[in-house]
């Protein structure tokens, strides 16, 4: 391990004292270091890929949906969202189609929380219909699903856009 060798220290003509030289063998320390590195490599778990769970409805007749509990999101390609409550026909007649974005304070998350607050103790009945247009990106869909998780929306679906909705958004975007 360590050797201590005494050698005469010569300075000039006379021998004055014996000087000790210390030589340390680092081989066991290096071996221990490699053992520790290999131990930590073999015992650590690497990150595992996570996937979003997909829940499919049960087979059978379609369920009923209250108009007051439906919120539809139309995801566009410019990180913006058109949304409306209830049926499309009622929303177009009452000019109830609104525009928002993914902002934290005034975005779609605040719209969802506001609707949940209005529903009170029936907030779990909220049905969120997410309709991505062809121009929307995958990131837009993931951001909308993030808002679903953040706001504890228990009922949501990704649905195809109707022709009326496509035409409405195209007129507004141009």
Protein backbone atom coordinates (compact mmCIF):
# COMPACT_ATOMS: atom_id res chain seq x y z
CA UNK A 1 0.00 0.00 0.00
CA UNK A 2 2.25 2.75 1.23
CA UNK A 3 5.99 2.50 1.49
CA UNK A 4 8.12 4.73 3.59
CA UNK A 5 11.74 4.79 2.44
CA UNK A 6 14.45 6.58 4.30
CA UNK A 7 17.18 8.10 2.16
CA UNK A 8 19.97 10.39 3.17
CA UNK A 9 19.33 13.96 2.22
CA UNK A 10 22.53 15.29 0.73
CA UNK A 11 23.03 18.97 0.47
CA UNK A 12 26.53 19.90 -0.34
CA UNK A 13 29.35 17.94 1.32
CA UNK A 14 27.84 16.84 4.63
CA UNK A 15 24.99 14.39 5.35
CA UNK A 16 22.64 16.27 7.61
CA UNK A 17 19.56 14.12 8.16
CA UNK A 18 17.57 11.30 6.76
CA UNK A 19 14.66 12.41 4.60
CA UNK A 20 11.58 10.18 4.36
CA UNK A 21 10.00 9.66 0.94
CA UNK A 22 6.44 8.46 0.86
CA UNK A 23 5.24 6.37 -2.09
CA UNK A 24 1.52 5.51 -2.16
CA UNK A 25 0.24 2.68 -4.33
CA UNK A 26 -3.13 3.86 -5.77
CA UNK A 27 -4.13 0.53 -7.34
CA UNK A 28 -6.53 -0.55 -4.53
CA UNK A 29 -8.18 2.90 -4.55
CA UNK A 30 -8.76 2.71 -8.31
CA UNK A 31 -10.17 -0.81 -7.93
CA UNK A 32 -12.58 0.41 -5.26
CA UNK A 33 -13.65 3.32 -7.46
CA UNK A 34 -14.46 1.03 -10.38
CA UNK A 35 -16.35 -1.33 -8.07
CA UNK A 36 -18.49 1.54 -6.80
CA UNK A 37 -19.15 2.85 -10.32
CA UNK A 38 -20.20 -0.60 -11.55
CA UNK A 39 -22.39 -1.10 -8.46
CA UNK A 40 -24.29 2.15 -9.07
CA UNK A 41 -24.66 1.46 -12.79
CA UNK A 42 -26.18 -1.97 -12.17
CA UNK A 43 -28.50 -0.90 -9.33
CA UNK A 44 -29.99 2.29 -10.76
CA UNK A 45 -33.15 2.08 -12.80
CA UNK A 46 -33.28 4.03 -16.00
CA UNK A 47 -36.26 6.18 -16.84
CA UNK A 48 -39.08 4.20 -18.35
CA UNK A 49 -41.19 5.65 -21.17
CA UNK A 50 -44.64 6.81 -20.11
CA UNK A 51 -47.65 6.87 -22.38
CA UNK A 52 -50.95 8.63 -22.04
CA UNK A 53 -53.71 6.21 -21.14
CA UNK A 54 -56.44 5.85 -23.71
CA UNK A 55 -59.90 5.09 -22.40
CA UNK A 56 -62.38 3.83 -24.94
CA UNK A 57 -66.13 3.90 -24.33
CA UNK A 58 -67.89 0.65 -23.63
CA UNK A 59 -69.77 -1.03 -26.46
CA UNK A 60 -73.47 -0.36 -26.54
CA UNK A 61 -75.87 2.48 -27.23
CA UNK A 62 -74.49 6.02 -26.96
CA UNK A 63 -75.09 7.82 -23.70
CA UNK A 64 -76.97 11.07 -23.33
CA UNK A 65 -75.19 14.34 -22.82
CA UNK A 66 -76.71 17.41 -21.23
CA UNK A 67 -76.27 20.60 -23.25
CA UNK A 68 -75.25 22.51 -20.13
CA UNK A 69 -72.43 20.03 -19.46
CA UNK A 70 -70.80 20.10 -22.92
CA UNK A 71 -67.80 22.25 -23.77
CA UNK A 72 -66.34 21.90 -27.27
CA UNK A 73 -62.81 22.99 -28.19
CA UNK A 74 -61.83 23.62 -31.81
CA UNK A 75 -58.03 23.47 -31.95
CA UNK A 76 -56.55 25.55 -34.78
CA UNK A 77 -53.04 25.60 -36.20
CA UNK A 78 -51.99 28.95 -34.77
CA UNK A 79 -52.00 27.92 -31.08
CA UNK A 80 -55.49 29.34 -30.70
CA UNK A 81 -58.76 27.74 -29.71
CA UNK A 82 -62.38 28.42 -30.55
CA UNK A 83 -64.78 27.06 -27.95
CA UNK A 84 -68.52 26.94 -27.34
CA UNK A 85 -70.98 25.52 -24.83
CA UNK A 86 -73.77 23.14 -25.78
CA UNK A 87 -74.83 22.48 -29.36
CA UNK A 88 -73.25 24.03 -32.44
CA UNK A 89 -76.57 25.38 -33.78
CA UNK A 90 -77.40 27.14 -30.51
CA UNK A 91 -73.90 28.60 -30.22
CA UNK A 92 -73.96 30.04 -33.75
CA UNK A 93 -77.41 31.59 -33.25
CA UNK A 94 -76.42 33.24 -29.97
CA UNK A 95 -72.90 34.25 -31.09
CA UNK A 96 -71.60 31.95 -28.37
CA UNK A 97 -68.42 30.88 -30.14
CA UNK A 98 -65.47 32.40 -28.31
CA UNK A 99 -61.75 32.62 -28.96
CA UNK A 100 -58.89 31.91 -26.54
CA UNK A 101 -55.36 30.49 -26.36
CA UNK A 102 -53.23 28.29 -24.13
CA UNK A 103 -52.24 31.12 -21.76
CA UNK A 104 -52.01 30.23 -18.11
CA UNK A 105 -54.23 32.97 -16.65
CA UNK A 106 -56.66 33.80 -19.46
CA UNK A 107 -56.44 30.68 -21.62
CA UNK A 108 -58.52 27.58 -22.02
CA UNK A 109 -57.67 26.41 -18.49
CA UNK A 110 -59.49 29.40 -17.00
CA UNK A 111 -62.50 28.68 -19.27
CA UNK A 112 -62.65 25.09 -18.00
CA UNK A 113 -62.33 26.18 -14.36
CA UNK A 114 -65.03 28.81 -14.83
CA UNK A 115 -67.42 26.24 -16.28
CA UNK A 116 -66.65 23.81 -13.46
CA UNK A 117 -67.36 26.57 -10.94
CA UNK A 118 -70.72 27.30 -12.62
CA UNK A 119 -71.65 23.62 -12.49
CA UNK A 120 -70.97 23.50 -8.75
CA UNK A 121 -71.22 20.05 -7.22
CA UNK A 122 -72.02 18.55 -10.65
CA UNK A 123 -68.61 19.56 -11.97
CA UNK A 124 -67.73 15.93 -12.73
CA UNK A 125 -70.54 15.88 -15.31
CA UNK A 126 -68.56 18.26 -17.56
CA UNK A 127 -67.93 16.66 -20.95
CA UNK A 128 -65.05 18.19 -22.88
CA UNK A 129 -65.12 17.56 -26.63
CA UNK A 130 -61.72 18.19 -28.21
CA UNK A 131 -61.84 18.68 -31.98
CA UNK A 132 -58.43 19.22 -33.61
CA UNK A 133 -58.56 20.69 -37.10
CA UNK A 134 -56.26 19.47 -39.87
CA UNK A 135 -54.09 22.56 -39.40
CA UNK A 136 -53.55 21.98 -35.67
CA UNK A 137 -50.36 20.36 -34.50
CA UNK A 138 -49.81 17.40 -32.23
CA UNK A 139 -48.50 19.86 -29.64
CA UNK A 140 -51.89 21.63 -29.61
CA UNK A 141 -53.65 18.36 -28.83
CA UNK A 142 -51.18 17.49 -26.05
CA UNK A 143 -51.60 20.99 -24.55
CA UNK A 144 -55.38 20.51 -24.52
CA UNK A 145 -55.00 17.10 -22.87
CA UNK A 146 -52.65 18.68 -20.31
CA UNK A 147 -55.40 21.16 -19.41
CA UNK A 148 -57.77 18.20 -19.00
CA UNK A 149 -55.39 16.60 -16.49
CA UNK A 150 -54.56 19.86 -14.69
CA UNK A 151 -58.24 20.72 -14.18
CA UNK A 152 -59.35 17.17 -13.26
CA UNK A 153 -61.81 16.81 -16.12
CA UNK A 154 -63.00 13.22 -15.84
CA UNK A 155 -65.00 13.03 -19.07
CA UNK A 156 -63.44 14.06 -22.37
CA UNK A 157 -63.27 12.83 -25.94
CA UNK A 158 -61.33 13.56 -29.10
CA UNK A 159 -63.90 13.95 -31.86
CA UNK A 160 -63.87 14.74 -35.59
CA UNK A 161 -64.66 18.29 -36.67
CA UNK A 162 -67.90 18.88 -38.60
CA UNK A 163 -67.99 20.72 -41.93
CA UNK A 164 -69.81 23.72 -40.38
CA UNK A 165 -67.10 24.06 -37.73
CA UNK A 166 -64.33 23.79 -40.34
CA UNK A 167 -65.94 26.48 -42.48
CA UNK A 168 -66.44 28.77 -39.48
CA UNK A 169 -62.81 28.52 -38.41
CA UNK A 170 -61.51 28.97 -41.98
CA UNK A 171 -63.56 32.17 -42.37
CA UNK A 172 -62.24 33.52 -39.08
CA UNK A 173 -58.61 32.57 -39.74
CA UNK A 174 -58.49 34.23 -43.19
